[in-house]
Amino acid sequence: MKILLVGGGGREHALAAAIKRSPQKPLLYTVMSKKNPGIAALSEDVFIHDEKDAPAIAAFAKENGVDMAFIGPEAPLSAGVSDALWAAGVPAVGPKKDCARIETDKAWARKFIEKHGIDGNPEYAVFTDYEAAADFIDKLGDVAVKPAGLTGGKGVKVMGDQLPDIAAAKEYTKEVLKGDSVVIEERFIGEEFTLQAFVDGKNLAFCPTAQDHKRAYEGDVGPNTGGMGAYTNAGALLPFLLPEEYETAKRIMKETVAAFPKETGEEFKGILYGQFILTKRGPKLIEYNARFGDPEAMNVLSLLETDMVEIMKAVTGGTLDKIDVVFSKKATVCKYAVPEGYPDDPKKDSEITVLTDSANNKTNSVIADETTGPNSDLIVYYSSVYEKDGKIFTTGSRSVGVVGLADSIADAEKISQDALDHKVKGDLFFRRDIGTAALIQKRIDHMNELRSEK
């Protein structure tokens, strides 16, 4: 079995390791724009190339006799890489371009959800004209401002957070409108959580819920990032999430998947990522992504016990209801080490090292490979780094994701933090508070307070 993986970040390193854990011993072929050393070590062949070049990627797949593909990031989905692979006879896990609009066009996504009567939308409107947008901001009074297109998780700004007042919201709206249409939404108050699922067009296999941490600095302050880390609980539910709230989020995602053929003529086959916020009125939808989250993929894929090759067959073949997708009942805490100065002025081309477990004779024993997974207690994933002359260097984005696995969030956090303190070296920084008891209790208290206001 030959598998193609598109993408070169931490999410894709987690995917590569999960694929290589398959007892079917698949051969892995990868396409990435820079050589991720963790992925390269797991690959039969690496094609260093633009991840959005759909014809070239399809040709590479055909030349190597690839049986199936997994597309990791959003940019290749937006560029139609999935469409090109299917057209070349290579089934792909990753929605076709029209279905990927659920992520790549926020205005389309809101209208799609509204049109098909799916719960979770805020009061919102889409604008190309500043004056009309400013009037709508005045009407709502407390808003989120979103560029309609892709922004790498960094374009959304919210009043009371990145935007101190209405004047700041209007100024950012004006800035967005220079290059994109803008979505103005009512601001939800609550706690965010992520629910991800494998989707075969009709059926969904849900992953454990996770909570990402977008802000750069401890205490949830500073600029937005692609995500500084995430945690999962031992089981499906985060500590502040009730079972009925979880079921509501699942229902919203199921209804969304059912609506795709009506709207696009295509079934959604791949990963649907629901970014929800738990409010006093229950879960509301912040946005959808059409792929695994980064870092959340590192959390949930580290727990995956089911053969990834069988999951890929089920997703592309429409048979997810015929297999059980099982995750270990462990907790995980993922923390990202990022370049000094990230995200505004990151230090680039700086050498980093990841120290290996000297008690294990295997080289790079903590680096994600075909031996790491649910039975491990520590896994290190390479993200936006590159290898040159046998050394590893930073780019301008997140560098190394460190995942601790244990029976409790507290123990997983200790494992992750200890690895960052002692195994990862370089001009890097990270958030120490992700997964700590104090931060999680703050989430629980916040939700208890909001629920009491019903």
Protein backbone atom coordinates (compact mmCIF):
# COMPACT_ATOMS: atom_id res chain seq x y z
CA MET A 1 0.00 0.00 0.00
CA LYS A 2 1.40 3.37 -1.06
CA ILE A 3 0.13 6.53 0.66
CA LEU A 4 0.70 10.14 -0.39
CA LEU A 5 0.77 12.84 2.29
CA VAL A 6 0.60 16.51 1.30
CA GLY A 7 1.99 19.06 3.79
CA GLY A 8 5.03 19.58 5.96
CA GLY A 9 3.94 20.91 9.37
CA GLY A 10 3.36 19.49 12.83
CA ARG A 11 -0.12 18.30 11.85
CA GLU A 12 1.38 16.37 8.93
CA HIS A 13 4.15 14.86 11.09
CA ALA A 14 1.38 13.53 13.34
CA LEU A 15 -0.45 12.18 10.29
CA ALA A 16 2.71 10.58 8.93
CA ALA A 17 3.38 8.82 12.24
CA ALA A 18 -0.24 7.60 12.46
CA ILE A 19 -0.10 6.25 8.90
CA LYS A 20 3.20 4.48 9.53
CA ARG A 21 1.80 2.80 12.67
CA SER A 22 -0.52 0.79 10.40
CA PRO A 23 0.12 -2.96 10.62
CA GLN A 24 -0.21 -2.95 6.83
CA LYS A 25 3.27 -1.35 6.65
CA PRO A 26 2.36 1.30 4.06
CA LEU A 27 5.01 3.10 2.03
CA LEU A 28 4.79 6.87 2.49
CA TYR A 29 5.36 9.47 -0.21
CA THR A 30 5.25 13.13 0.76
CA VAL A 31 4.95 16.54 -0.84
CA MET A 32 6.06 19.56 1.19
CA SER A 33 7.43 23.01 0.51
CA LYS A 34 10.30 22.62 3.01
CA LYS A 35 11.94 19.42 4.23
CA ASN A 36 10.40 18.54 7.59
CA PRO A 37 12.97 16.13 9.05
CA GLY A 38 10.42 14.13 11.04
CA ILE A 39 8.23 13.47 8.00
CA ALA A 40 11.21 12.87 5.71
CA ALA A 41 12.51 10.16 8.05
CA LEU A 42 9.21 8.28 7.61
CA SER A 43 9.03 8.69 3.83
CA GLU A 44 10.12 6.54 0.90
CA ASP A 45 10.37 9.64 -1.27
CA VAL A 46 9.98 13.36 -0.61
CA PHE A 47 8.93 15.85 -3.29
CA ILE A 48 9.99 19.34 -2.19
CA HIS A 49 7.52 21.45 -4.10
CA ASP A 50 4.69 23.98 -3.85
CA GLU A 51 1.91 22.24 -1.91
CA LYS A 52 -0.71 24.07 -3.97
CA ASP A 53 0.48 22.82 -7.40
CA ALA A 54 -2.37 20.38 -8.03
CA PRO A 55 -1.21 19.06 -11.46
CA ALA A 56 2.35 18.39 -10.24
CA ILE A 57 1.12 16.63 -7.07
CA ALA A 58 -1.28 14.45 -9.07
CA ALA A 59 1.56 13.59 -11.48
CA PHE A 60 3.87 12.67 -8.56
CA ALA A 61 1.15 10.40 -7.17
CA LYS A 62 0.66 8.65 -10.52
CA GLU A 63 4.40 8.24 -11.15
CA ASN A 64 4.79 6.50 -7.80
CA GLY A 65 1.70 4.30 -8.09
CA VAL A 66 0.09 5.85 -5.01
CA ASP A 67 -3.08 4.10 -3.80
CA MET A 68 -4.54 6.84 -1.56
CA ALA A 69 -3.71 10.36 -0.40
CA PHE A 70 -4.16 12.46 2.73
CA ILE A 71 -4.11 16.26 2.36
CA GLY A 72 -3.06 17.99 5.56
CA PRO A 73 -3.25 21.81 5.21
CA GLU A 74 -5.99 24.11 3.97
CA ALA A 75 -4.06 25.80 1.13
CA PRO A 76 -3.85 22.66 -1.07
CA LEU A 77 -7.57 22.02 -0.50
CA SER A 78 -8.32 25.57 -1.60
CA ALA A 79 -6.14 25.03 -4.68
CA GLY A 80 -8.06 21.91 -5.76
CA VAL A 81 -5.41 19.29 -4.98
CA SER A 82 -8.09 16.82 -3.86
CA ASP A 83 -10.01 17.34 -7.11
CA ALA A 84 -6.85 16.69 -9.15
CA LEU A 85 -6.01 13.52 -7.24
CA TRP A 86 -9.50 12.06 -7.60
CA ALA A 87 -9.43 12.92 -11.32
CA ALA A 88 -6.12 11.04 -11.58
CA GLY A 89 -7.69 7.97 -9.96
CA VAL A 90 -6.16 8.54 -6.51
CA PRO A 91 -8.78 8.65 -3.71
CA ALA A 92 -8.01 11.51 -1.34
CA VAL A 93 -8.84 12.20 2.29
CA GLY A 94 -9.55 15.91 2.06
CA PRO A 95 -12.63 17.59 0.59
CA LYS A 96 -12.79 18.84 -2.98
CA LYS A 97 -12.47 22.55 -3.58
CA ASP A 98 -16.21 23.33 -3.54
CA CYS A 99 -16.65 21.60 -0.17
CA ALA A 100 -13.47 23.15 1.27
CA ARG A 101 -15.20 26.53 0.96
CA ILE A 102 -16.61 25.79 4.41
CA GLU A 103 -13.16 26.95 5.58
CA THR A 104 -11.76 29.02 2.73
CA ASP A 105 -14.71 31.42 2.45
CA LYS A 106 -16.19 32.48 5.80
CA ALA A 107 -18.97 34.45 4.11
CA TRP A 108 -20.01 31.40 2.07
CA ALA A 109 -19.86 29.24 5.19
CA ARG A 110 -22.19 31.46 7.22
CA LYS A 111 -24.70 31.67 4.35
CA PHE A 112 -24.51 27.89 3.82
CA ILE A 113 -25.29 27.18 7.47
CA GLU A 114 -28.14 29.70 7.47
CA LYS A 115 -29.62 28.44 4.18
CA HIS A 116 -29.81 24.85 5.41
CA GLY A 117 -31.30 25.69 8.80
CA ILE A 118 -28.35 24.46 10.83
CA ASP A 119 -28.01 25.70 14.42
CA GLY A 120 -25.07 27.66 15.77
CA ASN A 121 -24.86 30.79 13.62
CA PRO A 122 -24.55 34.22 15.24
CA GLU A 123 -26.30 37.33 13.98
CA TYR A 124 -24.01 38.33 11.12
CA ALA A 125 -23.71 40.13 7.79
CA VAL A 126 -21.16 40.24 4.95
CA PHE A 127 -19.90 43.56 3.59
CA THR A 128 -17.80 45.02 0.81
CA ASP A 129 -18.76 48.60 1.72
CA TYR A 130 -17.27 50.27 4.79
CA GLU A 131 -20.15 52.59 5.66
CA ALA A 132 -22.67 49.75 5.71
CA ALA A 133 -20.29 47.63 7.81
CA ALA A 134 -19.77 50.48 10.28
CA ASP A 135 -23.54 50.92 10.67
CA PHE A 136 -23.90 47.18 11.41
CA ILE A 137 -21.13 47.36 14.02
CA ASP A 138 -23.03 50.20 15.71
CA LYS A 139 -26.20 48.11 15.63
CA LEU A 140 -24.64 45.00 17.25
CA GLY A 141 -22.39 46.92 19.63
CA ASP A 142 -20.15 43.95 20.46
CA VAL A 143 -18.65 42.19 17.45
CA ALA A 144 -16.12 39.85 15.89
CA VAL A 145 -14.53 41.04 12.63
CA LYS A 146 -13.45 38.34 10.16
CA PRO A 147 -11.78 38.56 6.74
CA ALA A 148 -13.80 36.28 4.46
CA GLY A 149 -10.75 34.40 3.14
CA LEU A 150 -7.92 32.33 4.61
CA THR A 151 -5.71 34.02 7.22
CA GLY A 152 -3.87 31.10 8.84
CA GLY A 153 -5.94 31.41 12.02
CA LYS A 154 -4.69 34.95 12.67
CA GLY A 155 -7.19 37.23 10.91
CA VAL A 156 -10.17 37.18 13.28
CA LYS A 157 -10.31 40.00 15.82
CA VAL A 158 -12.84 40.31 18.62
CA MET A 159 -14.03 43.26 20.70
CA GLY A 160 -13.01 43.03 24.33
CA ASP A 161 -9.99 41.07 23.19
CA GLN A 162 -7.83 42.27 20.27
CA LEU A 163 -10.23 45.17 19.64
CA PRO A 164 -10.71 47.43 22.69
CA ASP A 165 -13.81 49.26 21.44
CA ILE A 166 -16.17 50.03 18.54
CA ALA A 167 -13.73 52.52 17.03
CA ALA A 168 -11.04 49.84 16.86
CA ALA A 169 -13.51 47.38 15.30
CA LYS A 170 -14.34 49.91 12.60
CA GLU A 171 -10.68 50.67 11.94
CA TYR A 172 -9.86 46.97 11.52
CA THR A 173 -12.90 46.54 9.26
CA LYS A 174 -11.55 49.33 7.05
CA GLU A 175 -8.18 47.56 6.92
CA VAL A 176 -9.72 44.20 5.96
CA LEU A 177 -11.82 45.78 3.20
CA LYS A 178 -8.67 46.91 1.39
CA GLY A 179 -8.12 43.32 0.29
CA ASP A 180 -11.18 41.21 1.10
CA SER A 181 -14.84 41.28 1.98
CA VAL A 182 -15.55 41.25 5.71
CA VAL A 183 -17.88 39.24 7.94
CA ILE A 184 -19.22 41.13 10.97
CA GLU A 185 -20.71 38.89 13.68
CA GLU A 186 -22.13 39.24 17.15
CA ARG A 187 -19.54 38.40 19.74
CA PHE A 188 -20.15 35.17 21.64
CA ILE A 189 -19.13 34.94 25.31
CA GLY A 190 -17.97 31.56 26.57
CA GLU A 191 -15.28 28.90 26.30
CA GLU A 192 -13.99 27.65 22.98
CA PHE A 193 -13.56 23.96 22.15
CA THR A 194 -12.68 21.95 19.08
CA LEU A 195 -14.56 18.91 17.79
CA GLN A 196 -12.95 17.10 14.85
CA ALA A 197 -14.30 14.17 12.86
CA PHE A 198 -13.38 11.82 10.04
CA VAL A 199 -16.13 12.14 7.41
CA ASP A 200 -16.96 9.78 4.53
CA GLY A 201 -19.68 11.94 2.96
CA LYS A 202 -22.47 10.64 5.21
CA ASN A 203 -20.98 9.19 8.40
CA LEU A 204 -18.81 10.90 11.01
CA ALA A 205 -16.28 9.34 13.41
CA PHE A 206 -15.59 11.88 16.15
CA CYS A 207 -12.28 12.55 17.87
CA PRO A 208 -12.00 13.59 21.54
CA THR A 209 -12.75 17.27 22.14
CA ALA A 210 -9.76 19.58 22.50
CA GLN A 211 -9.11 23.16 23.54
CA ASP A 212 -6.61 25.22 21.54
CA HIS A 213 -4.80 28.31 22.89
CA LYS A 214 -4.47 30.97 20.19
CA ARG A 215 -2.90 33.80 22.17
CA ALA A 216 0.89 34.00 22.17
CA TYR A 217 1.51 34.60 25.86
CA GLU A 218 0.59 33.08 29.20
CA GLY A 219 -2.71 34.16 30.67
CA ASP A 220 -4.31 34.24 27.20
CA VAL A 221 -2.84 37.61 26.24
CA GLY A 222 -0.87 38.89 23.28
CA PRO A 223 -1.39 38.53 19.52
CA ASN A 224 -3.22 35.62 17.91
CA THR A 225 -1.12 32.75 16.59
CA GLY A 226 -1.79 29.55 14.68
CA GLY A 227 -2.10 27.94 18.14
CA MET A 228 0.39 27.70 21.01
CA GLY A 229 -0.86 24.35 22.28
CA ALA A 230 -3.92 22.29 23.15
CA TYR A 231 -5.13 19.64 25.56
CA THR A 232 -7.61 16.77 25.66
CA ASN A 233 -9.10 15.00 28.63
CA ALA A 234 -9.03 11.27 29.36
CA GLY A 235 -12.13 10.52 27.29
CA ALA A 236 -14.25 12.48 24.84
CA LEU A 237 -15.24 15.48 26.99
CA LEU A 238 -13.20 18.45 28.15
CA PRO A 239 -13.58 19.18 31.91
CA PHE A 240 -15.96 22.12 31.37
CA LEU A 241 -18.14 20.40 28.73
CA LEU A 242 -21.40 18.63 29.60
CA PRO A 243 -22.59 15.52 27.69
CA GLU A 244 -25.68 17.25 26.30
CA GLU A 245 -23.54 20.14 25.03
CA TYR A 246 -21.21 17.67 23.32
CA GLU A 247 -24.21 16.00 21.65
CA THR A 248 -25.44 19.38 20.37
CA ALA A 249 -22.07 20.06 18.72
CA LYS A 250 -22.09 16.59 17.13
CA ARG A 251 -25.60 17.17 15.78
CA ILE A 252 -24.59 20.50 14.21
CA MET A 253 -21.67 18.81 12.44
CA LYS A 254 -23.81 15.90 11.21
CA GLU A 255 -26.38 18.32 9.77
CA THR A 256 -23.59 20.26 8.07
CA VAL A 257 -22.21 17.13 6.39
CA ALA A 258 -25.69 16.14 5.20
CA ALA A 259 -26.15 19.55 3.53
CA PHE A 260 -23.03 19.47 1.32
CA PRO A 261 -24.46 17.38 -1.56
CA LYS A 262 -27.53 19.64 -1.69
CA GLU A 263 -25.37 22.75 -1.93
CA THR A 264 -22.32 21.63 -3.93
CA GLY A 265 -23.28 18.37 -5.59
CA GLU A 266 -20.30 16.79 -3.82
CA GLU A 267 -19.99 14.76 -0.65
CA PHE A 268 -17.55 16.05 1.99
CA LYS A 269 -14.85 13.39 2.37
CA GLY A 270 -12.06 14.20 4.78
CA ILE A 271 -11.77 15.94 8.14
CA LEU A 272 -14.38 18.38 9.42
CA TYR A 273 -13.14 20.60 12.25
CA GLY A 274 -15.79 22.42 14.24
CA GLN A 275 -14.54 25.38 16.26
CA PHE A 276 -17.28 25.93 18.83
CA ILE A 277 -17.78 28.31 21.71
CA LEU A 278 -19.77 27.08 24.67
CA THR A 279 -22.12 29.88 25.76
CA LYS A 280 -24.89 30.10 28.35
CA ARG A 281 -27.20 29.21 25.43
CA GLY A 282 -25.18 26.12 24.54
CA PRO A 283 -22.59 25.52 21.79
CA LYS A 284 -22.35 28.10 19.00
CA LEU A 285 -20.27 27.80 15.87
CA ILE A 286 -17.27 30.09 15.51
CA GLU A 287 -16.08 28.54 12.26
CA TYR A 288 -15.38 25.32 10.39
CA ASN A 289 -12.08 24.08 9.04
CA ALA A 290 -11.85 21.46 6.31
CA ARG A 291 -8.84 19.67 7.84
CA PHE A 292 -7.32 18.72 11.18
CA GLY A 293 -6.32 21.56 13.48
CA ASP A 294 -2.71 22.29 14.26
CA PRO A 295 -1.95 21.65 17.14
CA GLU A 296 -5.11 19.62 17.88
CA ALA A 297 -4.13 16.95 15.34
CA MET A 298 -1.06 16.17 17.42
CA ASN A 299 -3.25 15.61 20.50
CA VAL A 300 -5.87 13.33 18.96
CA LEU A 301 -3.69 11.43 16.48
CA SER A 302 -1.27 10.56 19.30
CA LEU A 303 -4.25 8.74 20.88
CA LEU A 304 -5.50 6.98 17.72
CA GLU A 305 -5.57 3.18 18.12
CA THR A 306 -7.38 2.26 14.89
CA ASP A 307 -5.38 1.51 11.74
CA MET A 308 -5.14 4.83 9.86
CA VAL A 309 -4.96 3.06 6.49
CA GLU A 310 -8.32 1.38 7.23
CA ILE A 311 -9.77 4.75 8.24
CA MET A 312 -8.56 6.28 4.96
CA LYS A 313 -10.17 3.44 2.99
CA ALA A 314 -13.42 3.98 4.88
CA VAL A 315 -13.41 7.77 4.38
CA THR A 316 -12.76 7.55 0.64
CA GLY A 317 -15.02 4.52 0.17
CA GLY A 318 -18.00 5.77 2.19
CA THR A 319 -17.84 2.95 4.77
CA LEU A 320 -16.95 4.70 8.05
CA ASP A 321 -20.05 3.16 9.62
CA LYS A 322 -18.49 -0.28 9.13
CA ILE A 323 -15.45 0.31 11.36
CA ASP A 324 -14.88 1.48 14.93
CA VAL A 325 -12.52 4.45 15.21
CA VAL A 326 -10.99 4.11 18.68
CA PHE A 327 -8.88 6.53 20.71
CA SER A 328 -6.92 5.72 23.85
CA LYS A 329 -8.61 6.96 27.03
CA LYS A 330 -5.58 9.05 27.99
CA ALA A 331 -5.27 12.78 28.42
CA THR A 332 -2.85 14.79 26.27
CA VAL A 333 -1.18 18.17 26.56
CA CYS A 334 0.56 19.63 23.52
CA LYS A 335 2.77 22.70 23.84
CA TYR A 336 4.47 24.44 20.95
CA ALA A 337 8.02 25.75 21.10
CA VAL A 338 8.17 28.73 18.75
CA PRO A 339 10.94 31.10 17.61
CA GLU A 340 11.79 34.05 19.82
CA GLY A 341 9.72 37.03 18.65
CA TYR A 342 6.90 34.91 17.21
CA PRO A 343 4.41 35.79 15.78
CA ASP A 344 5.24 39.43 15.00
CA ASP A 345 9.03 39.32 14.56
CA PRO A 346 10.18 35.69 14.71
CA LYS A 347 13.85 34.78 14.75
CA LYS A 348 14.46 32.76 11.57
CA ASP A 349 17.19 30.34 10.48
CA SER A 350 18.19 29.62 14.07
CA GLU A 351 19.45 26.11 14.88
CA ILE A 352 17.43 23.99 17.31
CA THR A 353 18.03 20.54 18.76
CA VAL A 354 15.78 17.89 20.28
CA LEU A 355 17.62 15.65 22.74
CA THR A 356 16.85 11.95 22.53
CA ASP A 357 16.19 9.43 25.28
CA SER A 358 19.65 8.10 26.13
CA ALA A 359 18.12 5.06 27.82
CA ASN A 360 16.68 3.95 24.47
CA ASN A 361 19.10 2.67 21.86
CA LYS A 362 16.88 3.91 19.04
CA THR A 363 17.92 7.25 17.57
CA ASN A 364 15.43 10.08 18.10
CA SER A 365 13.24 7.83 20.24
CA VAL A 366 10.96 10.72 21.29
CA ILE A 367 10.46 11.95 17.72
CA ALA A 368 7.15 10.80 16.25
CA ASP A 369 7.68 7.67 14.16
CA GLU A 370 6.03 4.31 13.55
CA THR A 371 6.71 3.27 17.18
CA THR A 372 5.15 6.26 18.92
CA GLY A 373 1.46 6.54 19.66
CA PRO A 374 -1.05 5.73 22.40
CA ASN A 375 1.45 3.58 24.31
CA SER A 376 3.98 6.42 24.54
CA ASP A 377 4.13 9.05 27.27
CA LEU A 378 6.00 11.67 25.22
CA ILE A 379 6.00 12.44 21.49
CA VAL A 380 7.81 15.30 19.76
CA TYR A 381 6.56 16.51 16.37
CA TYR A 382 8.56 18.74 14.05
CA SER A 383 6.54 21.59 12.57
CA SER A 384 7.72 24.61 10.57
CA VAL A 385 11.42 23.80 10.57
CA TYR A 386 13.79 22.74 7.84
CA GLU A 387 16.81 20.48 7.67
CA LYS A 388 20.12 21.53 6.14
CA ASP A 389 23.48 19.75 6.41
CA GLY A 390 22.09 17.46 9.07
CA LYS A 391 20.96 20.34 11.28
CA ILE A 392 17.48 21.69 12.01
CA PHE A 393 16.58 25.36 11.71
CA THR A 394 13.59 27.58 12.47
CA THR A 395 11.41 29.30 9.90
CA GLY A 396 9.13 32.20 10.86
CA SER A 397 6.46 29.93 12.33
CA ARG A 398 5.97 27.34 15.07
CA SER A 399 8.89 24.93 15.43
CA VAL A 400 8.30 21.87 17.62
CA GLY A 401 5.14 20.41 19.17
CA VAL A 402 5.66 18.41 22.37
CA VAL A 403 2.85 16.08 23.46
CA GLY A 404 2.61 14.47 26.88
CA LEU A 405 0.23 11.50 27.31
CA ALA A 406 -0.98 10.28 30.72
CA ASP A 407 -4.03 9.19 32.69
CA SER A 408 -4.75 12.80 33.72
CA ILE A 409 -4.31 16.24 32.18
CA ALA A 410 -2.10 17.23 35.13
CA ASP A 411 0.33 14.36 34.55
CA ALA A 412 0.34 14.91 30.77
CA GLU A 413 1.16 18.59 31.36
CA LYS A 414 4.13 17.70 33.56
CA ILE A 415 5.53 15.36 30.89
CA SER A 416 5.13 17.97 28.15
CA GLN A 417 6.64 20.78 30.21
CA ASP A 418 9.57 18.67 31.41
CA ALA A 419 10.42 17.85 27.78
CA LEU A 420 10.37 21.53 26.82
CA ASP A 421 12.60 22.37 29.79
CA HIS A 422 15.14 19.63 29.17
CA LYS A 423 14.92 18.15 25.67
CA VAL A 424 14.21 21.05 23.28
CA LYS A 425 17.04 23.57 22.88
CA GLY A 426 17.32 26.78 20.86
CA ASP A 427 16.18 30.40 20.69
CA LEU A 428 12.59 29.40 21.45
CA PHE A 429 9.78 30.21 23.84
CA PHE A 430 6.56 28.47 24.89
CA ARG A 431 3.55 28.87 27.15
CA ARG A 432 3.94 27.13 30.51
CA ASP A 433 0.28 27.52 31.49
CA ILE A 434 -1.37 25.29 28.86
CA GLY A 435 -2.91 22.25 30.54
CA THR A 436 -2.21 23.47 34.08
CA ALA A 437 -4.76 22.95 36.83
CA ALA A 438 -5.13 26.70 37.37
CA LEU A 439 -5.97 27.46 33.75
CA ILE A 440 -8.42 24.58 33.44
CA GLN A 441 -10.16 25.52 36.68
CA LYS A 442 -10.55 29.02 35.29
CA ARG A 443 -12.43 27.52 32.30
CA ILE A 444 -14.66 25.42 34.57
CA ASP A 445 -15.47 28.38 36.82
CA HIS A 446 -16.24 30.57 33.80
CA MET A 447 -18.73 28.06 32.40
CA ASN A 448 -20.37 27.49 35.77
CA GLU A 449 -20.83 31.24 36.09
CA LEU A 450 -22.32 31.54 32.59
CA ARG A 451 -24.69 28.60 33.09
CA SER A 452 -25.95 30.19 36.31
CA GLU A 453 -27.05 33.25 34.30
CA LYS A 454 -29.60 31.25 32.26
